[in-house]
Amino acid sequence: MAFLIDCPNCGVRDVYEFRFGGEMVARPENSTDRNDWSDYYYFKKNVVGEQSEWWYHAMGCRNWLIAKRNTVNNAVISTSVYGDSEILHEK
């Protein structure tokens, strides 16, 4: 199903210009526990509803974006360039 993503640099673009980078999850920075890292890499929440996701604008500005998307209807609620502080701390 095709949908549109509003790139903060390039404007509204077709999803086929982007590459999906996965759900945005908190990285276990100071953990040496294998289970924490296994959960981080392999187990996704697969939320029904709104979730924050990584998207790479491969055929545009080549920046990583964070998009909040409703997984039920693929509606993109908001987008921001990687580095915006209010999104980075979301878990």
Protein backbone atom coordinates (compact mmCIF):
# COMPACT_ATOMS: atom_id res chain seq x y z
CA MET A 1 0.00 0.00 0.00
CA ALA A 2 1.53 3.31 -1.05
CA PHE A 3 1.42 6.41 1.11
CA LEU A 4 3.12 9.79 1.34
CA ILE A 5 5.86 10.95 3.70
CA ASP A 6 6.46 14.65 4.33
CA CYS A 7 10.24 15.02 4.30
CA PRO A 8 11.24 18.13 6.30
CA ASN A 9 13.90 18.89 3.65
CA CYS A 10 12.23 17.91 0.37
CA GLY A 11 8.49 18.15 1.02
CA VAL A 12 5.81 15.53 0.46
CA ARG A 13 7.14 12.50 -1.39
CA ASP A 14 5.99 9.00 -2.31
CA VAL A 15 7.00 6.28 0.15
CA TYR A 16 8.93 4.51 -2.64
CA GLU A 17 11.63 7.21 -2.37
CA PHE A 18 12.33 6.05 1.18
CA ARG A 19 13.76 2.94 2.84
CA PHE A 20 12.23 1.65 6.06
CA GLY A 21 14.70 1.45 8.93
CA GLY A 22 12.52 -0.20 11.54
CA GLU A 23 10.79 0.74 14.74
CA MET A 24 12.43 3.31 16.93
CA VAL A 25 13.45 1.59 20.16
CA ALA A 26 15.72 2.55 23.04
CA ARG A 27 19.24 1.14 22.65
CA PRO A 28 20.61 -0.72 25.71
CA GLU A 29 23.72 1.49 25.95
CA ASN A 30 25.38 0.28 29.16
CA SER A 31 24.15 -3.29 29.19
CA THR A 32 26.39 -6.32 28.82
CA ASP A 33 23.44 -8.71 29.07
CA ARG A 34 23.00 -10.73 25.86
CA ASN A 35 19.25 -10.87 26.40
CA ASP A 36 18.99 -7.06 26.32
CA TRP A 37 20.87 -6.91 23.03
CA SER A 38 18.93 -9.84 21.57
CA ASP A 39 15.66 -8.10 22.42
CA TYR A 40 16.95 -4.88 20.86
CA TYR A 41 17.93 -6.48 17.55
CA TYR A 42 15.39 -9.24 17.06
CA PHE A 43 12.19 -8.63 19.00
CA LYS A 44 9.95 -5.84 17.77
CA LYS A 45 6.76 -4.57 19.36
CA ASN A 46 4.81 -4.50 16.07
CA VAL A 47 2.38 -1.95 17.48
CA VAL A 48 -1.15 -1.67 16.17
CA GLY A 49 -1.64 2.09 16.03
CA GLU A 50 0.89 4.91 16.32
CA GLN A 51 4.60 4.16 16.45
CA SER A 52 7.83 6.04 15.74
CA GLU A 53 9.94 4.64 12.90
CA TRP A 54 13.23 5.26 11.12
CA TRP A 55 13.02 6.18 7.42
CA TYR A 56 15.93 6.90 5.07
CA HIS A 57 15.27 9.28 2.15
CA ALA A 58 17.29 7.31 -0.40
CA MET A 59 16.07 9.11 -3.52
CA GLY A 60 16.06 12.57 -2.03
CA CYS A 61 18.13 14.37 0.58
CA ARG A 62 19.65 11.11 1.91
CA ASN A 63 18.86 11.97 5.51
CA TRP A 64 17.47 9.72 8.20
CA LEU A 65 14.03 10.80 9.38
CA ILE A 66 11.86 9.81 12.27
CA ALA A 67 8.22 9.42 11.30
CA LYS A 68 5.31 8.84 13.61
CA ARG A 69 2.98 6.58 11.63
CA ASN A 70 -0.33 4.86 12.29
CA THR A 71 0.28 1.22 11.31
CA VAL A 72 -3.42 0.54 10.83
CA ASN A 73 -4.03 2.97 7.97
CA ASN A 74 -0.41 4.01 7.10
CA ALA A 75 -1.19 7.65 7.87
CA VAL A 76 2.02 9.55 8.62
CA ILE A 77 1.22 11.83 11.55
CA SER A 78 4.52 13.72 11.81
CA THR A 79 8.10 13.64 10.59
CA SER A 80 11.34 15.17 11.83
CA VAL A 81 14.99 15.10 10.89
CA TYR A 82 17.17 12.87 13.05
CA GLY A 83 18.49 15.01 15.88
CA ASP A 84 15.33 16.80 17.01
CA SER A 85 15.53 16.45 20.79
CA GLU A 86 11.84 15.89 21.53
CA ILE A 87 11.71 12.80 19.30
CA LEU A 88 15.05 11.26 20.29
CA HIS A 89 14.01 10.76 23.89
CA GLU A 90 10.73 9.05 23.00
CA LYS A 91 10.61 5.35 23.82
